[in-house]
Amino acid sequence: MFSAEQTVIRLILAFVLGGLIGLERESHGRAAGLRTHILVCLGSTLLMLTSIYIFYAYRELATIDPARIAAGVITGIGFLGAGTILRFKASVRGLTTAASLWAVTGIGLAIGSGFYSGAYATTALVLFVLFFLTRVERVLGKKDWYKILAVETKGNAQQLKDIRSALSDYKAEIRDFEIKKKSDSNNVIVELNLKLITNRQDDQVITDIMRIKGVERASWQEL
């Protein structure tokens, strides 16, 4: 059985390690960010501690499997993870956040059971994946890039034609688009779901789009 001090230490550790991963997601504006990851890690740690506590408290009275609650936690996190995955037109968002929540759950269970080395190593590797492999993926991993370009414009046919022409210069394929009316003006926001052959010309694309007469704003939106 563990002491009250050990319990507090494990919960604080869950707070810190879960927060580190959540902070990275928060920096990307994800709905499941800092607080969500901390709560998931804390909750799974507590449930693991509870499972171990029940095992020691009642092992002489009944046959108890200390891993049973942990298995339920892994099953339950699937619902939360699924809630972070959204399908937007031709793209899917939230897969990385769902995976990070699943990993944080494992970290919490490891902390709760006292498997500190596994929790530390996994946290370090998850942060490495989120911070550094994203850059490697951009350089080596993808031949095609999928992005959303939001353009605020007057919305007449000539402007839309000019936008399409500008994108064609970069061999950008328009896979889908949506036009939204702005409530505070007569402008519209055109959201274009694009397939690009490179991500190294993002600034140039924006510059060319902004040169089109009638375009007031243009920006990339993360998938």
Protein backbone atom coordinates (compact mmCIF):
# COMPACT_ATOMS: atom_id res chain seq x y z
CA MET A 1 0.00 0.00 0.00
CA PHE A 2 1.22 3.51 -0.75
CA SER A 3 1.25 6.44 1.65
CA ALA A 4 -0.64 9.73 1.39
CA GLU A 5 2.59 11.42 0.35
CA GLN A 6 3.09 8.96 -2.50
CA THR A 7 -0.48 9.56 -3.63
CA VAL A 8 0.00 13.33 -3.74
CA ILE A 9 3.36 12.99 -5.53
CA ARG A 10 1.84 10.78 -8.23
CA LEU A 11 -1.09 13.14 -8.76
CA ILE A 12 1.23 16.16 -9.00
CA LEU A 13 3.39 14.26 -11.46
CA ALA A 14 0.31 13.50 -13.55
CA PHE A 15 -0.56 17.20 -13.48
CA VAL A 16 2.91 18.16 -14.74
CA LEU A 17 3.41 15.50 -17.42
CA GLY A 18 -0.15 15.76 -18.74
CA GLY A 19 0.20 19.54 -18.75
CA LEU A 20 3.38 19.44 -20.83
CA ILE A 21 1.63 17.57 -23.61
CA GLY A 22 -1.54 19.62 -23.24
CA LEU A 23 0.48 22.83 -23.54
CA GLU A 24 1.70 21.79 -26.98
CA ARG A 25 -1.87 21.10 -28.12
CA GLU A 26 -3.00 24.40 -26.59
CA SER A 27 -0.38 26.27 -28.60
CA HIS A 28 -2.02 24.93 -31.75
CA GLY A 29 -5.44 26.15 -30.66
CA ARG A 30 -6.93 22.69 -30.12
CA ALA A 31 -10.17 22.29 -28.21
CA ALA A 32 -8.57 19.48 -26.20
CA GLY A 33 -5.68 21.54 -24.87
CA LEU A 34 -3.94 22.18 -21.58
CA ARG A 35 -6.82 21.62 -19.15
CA THR A 36 -8.22 18.60 -21.00
CA HIS A 37 -4.90 16.76 -21.04
CA ILE A 38 -4.26 17.55 -17.38
CA LEU A 39 -7.70 16.31 -16.36
CA VAL A 40 -7.36 13.11 -18.41
CA CYS A 41 -3.95 12.36 -16.92
CA LEU A 42 -5.11 13.16 -13.38
CA GLY A 43 -8.26 11.09 -13.78
CA SER A 44 -6.48 8.04 -15.14
CA THR A 45 -3.84 8.31 -12.39
CA LEU A 46 -6.51 8.45 -9.71
CA LEU A 47 -8.34 5.47 -11.18
CA MET A 48 -5.10 3.48 -11.26
CA LEU A 49 -4.40 4.42 -7.64
CA THR A 50 -7.95 3.45 -6.73
CA SER A 51 -7.55 0.12 -8.48
CA ILE A 52 -4.34 -0.64 -6.55
CA TYR A 53 -5.95 0.53 -3.30
CA ILE A 54 -8.95 -1.75 -3.79
CA PHE A 55 -6.63 -4.65 -4.56
CA TYR A 56 -4.68 -4.26 -1.31
CA ALA A 57 -7.74 -3.44 0.78
CA TYR A 58 -9.89 -6.38 -0.32
CA ARG A 59 -7.52 -9.03 -1.66
CA GLU A 60 -8.13 -11.25 1.39
CA LEU A 61 -11.90 -11.05 0.93
CA ALA A 62 -12.23 -11.58 -2.81
CA THR A 63 -10.28 -12.23 -5.98
CA ILE A 64 -9.56 -8.80 -7.45
CA ASP A 65 -7.84 -7.92 -10.71
CA PRO A 66 -5.98 -4.59 -10.29
CA ALA A 67 -5.84 -4.13 -14.07
CA ARG A 68 -9.61 -4.30 -14.51
CA ILE A 69 -10.26 -0.59 -13.89
CA ALA A 70 -7.31 0.34 -16.09
CA ALA A 71 -8.84 -1.63 -18.97
CA GLY A 72 -12.07 0.29 -18.49
CA VAL A 73 -10.18 3.58 -18.59
CA ILE A 74 -8.59 2.70 -21.93
CA THR A 75 -12.01 1.81 -23.33
CA GLY A 76 -13.62 4.97 -21.98
CA ILE A 77 -10.99 7.34 -23.38
CA GLY A 78 -12.04 6.23 -26.84
CA PHE A 79 -15.25 8.24 -26.52
CA LEU A 80 -13.37 11.40 -25.56
CA GLY A 81 -10.83 10.86 -28.31
CA ALA A 82 -13.56 10.32 -30.89
CA GLY A 83 -15.09 13.63 -29.84
CA THR A 84 -11.92 15.48 -30.86
CA ILE A 85 -11.96 14.03 -34.39
CA LEU A 86 -13.95 16.11 -36.83
CA ARG A 87 -14.58 15.62 -40.51
CA PHE A 88 -14.52 18.91 -42.38
CA LYS A 89 -15.43 18.57 -46.05
CA ALA A 90 -12.68 16.46 -47.58
CA SER A 91 -10.36 16.58 -44.57
CA VAL A 92 -10.22 15.05 -41.12
CA ARG A 93 -9.10 17.06 -38.10
CA GLY A 94 -8.14 16.06 -34.57
CA LEU A 95 -6.42 12.71 -35.11
CA THR A 96 -3.19 13.85 -33.44
CA THR A 97 -5.06 15.32 -30.48
CA ALA A 98 -7.06 12.10 -30.06
CA ALA A 99 -3.82 10.11 -30.14
CA SER A 100 -2.21 12.42 -27.57
CA LEU A 101 -5.20 11.99 -25.24
CA TRP A 102 -4.87 8.22 -25.54
CA ALA A 103 -1.13 8.48 -24.79
CA VAL A 104 -1.76 10.77 -21.80
CA THR A 105 -4.20 8.19 -20.44
CA GLY A 106 -1.44 5.59 -20.56
CA ILE A 107 0.95 8.00 -18.86
CA GLY A 108 -1.57 8.56 -16.08
CA LEU A 109 -2.04 4.81 -15.57
CA ALA A 110 1.72 4.35 -15.47
CA ILE A 111 2.10 7.09 -12.85
CA GLY A 112 -0.72 5.65 -10.78
CA SER A 113 0.89 2.22 -10.72
CA GLY A 114 4.31 3.67 -9.84
CA PHE A 115 5.87 2.91 -13.23
CA TYR A 116 7.68 6.25 -13.29
CA SER A 117 10.38 5.39 -15.83
CA GLY A 118 7.71 4.41 -18.36
CA ALA A 119 5.77 7.63 -17.69
CA TYR A 120 8.88 9.83 -18.07
CA ALA A 121 10.08 8.08 -21.22
CA THR A 122 6.64 8.16 -22.84
CA THR A 123 6.16 11.85 -22.04
CA ALA A 124 9.53 12.67 -23.58
CA LEU A 125 8.78 10.64 -26.71
CA VAL A 126 5.28 12.10 -27.12
CA LEU A 127 6.67 15.63 -26.85
CA PHE A 128 9.39 14.73 -29.36
CA VAL A 129 6.73 13.48 -31.78
CA LEU A 130 4.53 16.56 -31.36
CA PHE A 131 7.29 19.18 -31.49
CA PHE A 132 9.95 17.77 -33.79
CA LEU A 133 8.52 15.06 -36.02
CA THR A 134 5.96 17.55 -37.32
CA ARG A 135 8.86 19.49 -38.85
CA VAL A 136 10.46 16.32 -40.21
CA GLU A 137 7.13 15.28 -41.69
CA ARG A 138 6.82 18.62 -43.45
CA VAL A 139 10.25 18.24 -45.03
CA LEU A 140 10.34 14.55 -45.89
CA GLY A 141 7.07 12.81 -45.22
CA LYS A 142 4.53 14.47 -47.49
CA LYS A 143 4.37 14.86 -51.24
CA ASP A 144 0.96 16.51 -51.07
CA TRP A 145 -0.22 19.16 -48.63
CA TYR A 146 -3.80 19.80 -47.64
CA LYS A 147 -4.69 23.23 -46.33
CA ILE A 148 -7.61 25.59 -46.04
CA LEU A 149 -7.27 29.09 -47.43
CA ALA A 150 -9.76 31.64 -46.12
CA VAL A 151 -10.26 34.71 -48.30
CA GLU A 152 -12.45 37.68 -47.42
CA THR A 153 -13.68 39.36 -50.59
CA LYS A 154 -16.58 41.17 -52.21
CA GLY A 155 -17.57 37.85 -53.71
CA ASN A 156 -18.21 38.74 -57.34
CA ALA A 157 -17.50 36.27 -60.10
CA GLN A 158 -14.40 38.07 -61.41
CA GLN A 159 -12.69 38.01 -58.01
CA LEU A 160 -13.38 34.30 -57.58
CA LYS A 161 -12.00 33.71 -61.06
CA ASP A 162 -8.85 35.71 -60.23
CA ILE A 163 -8.35 33.74 -56.99
CA ARG A 164 -8.61 30.48 -58.87
CA SER A 165 -6.17 31.74 -61.49
CA ALA A 166 -3.66 32.80 -58.83
CA LEU A 167 -3.84 29.40 -57.16
CA SER A 168 -3.34 27.62 -60.48
CA ASP A 169 0.06 29.31 -60.79
CA TYR A 170 1.13 27.25 -57.77
CA LYS A 171 -0.49 24.07 -59.10
CA ALA A 172 -2.96 24.16 -56.22
CA GLU A 173 -5.96 21.88 -56.66
CA ILE A 174 -9.25 23.15 -55.20
CA ARG A 175 -10.80 20.04 -53.68
CA ASP A 176 -13.76 21.77 -52.06
CA PHE A 177 -14.92 25.24 -51.09
CA GLU A 178 -17.51 27.02 -49.00
CA ILE A 179 -18.78 30.60 -49.15
CA LYS A 180 -19.92 32.26 -45.92
CA LYS A 181 -21.66 35.63 -45.68
CA LYS A 182 -20.22 38.05 -43.12
CA SER A 183 -22.84 39.40 -40.75
CA ASP A 184 -21.20 42.79 -40.26
CA SER A 185 -20.55 43.67 -43.91
CA ASN A 186 -21.42 42.82 -47.50
CA ASN A 187 -18.25 40.77 -47.85
CA VAL A 188 -18.08 37.00 -48.01
CA ILE A 189 -15.46 34.59 -46.73
CA VAL A 190 -14.46 31.93 -49.22
CA GLU A 191 -12.89 28.84 -47.60
CA LEU A 192 -10.97 26.80 -50.14
CA ASN A 193 -9.82 23.29 -49.31
CA LEU A 194 -6.59 22.97 -51.28
CA LYS A 195 -4.20 20.24 -52.29
CA LEU A 196 -0.69 21.69 -52.70
CA ILE A 197 2.56 20.21 -53.94
CA THR A 198 4.64 22.13 -51.36
CA ASN A 199 4.26 24.21 -48.22
CA ARG A 200 7.25 26.44 -48.97
CA GLN A 201 5.26 29.00 -50.92
CA ASP A 202 2.59 29.76 -48.35
CA ASP A 203 3.59 33.40 -47.92
CA GLN A 204 3.85 33.93 -51.67
CA VAL A 205 0.37 32.52 -52.19
CA ILE A 206 -1.07 34.92 -49.61
CA THR A 207 0.80 37.84 -51.17
CA ASP A 208 -0.58 37.07 -54.64
CA ILE A 209 -4.12 36.60 -53.36
CA MET A 210 -3.97 39.93 -51.50
CA ARG A 211 -3.00 41.68 -54.74
CA ILE A 212 -6.34 40.79 -56.29
CA LYS A 213 -8.67 43.77 -56.38
CA GLY A 214 -11.50 43.42 -53.88
CA VAL A 215 -9.69 40.94 -51.60
CA GLU A 216 -9.46 42.39 -48.08
CA ARG A 217 -7.96 39.50 -46.12
CA ALA A 218 -6.42 36.09 -46.77
CA SER A 219 -5.00 33.55 -44.32
CA TRP A 220 -4.24 29.88 -43.90
CA GLN A 221 -6.32 27.80 -41.53
CA GLU A 222 -4.91 24.66 -39.98
CA LEU A 223 -6.67 21.40 -40.73
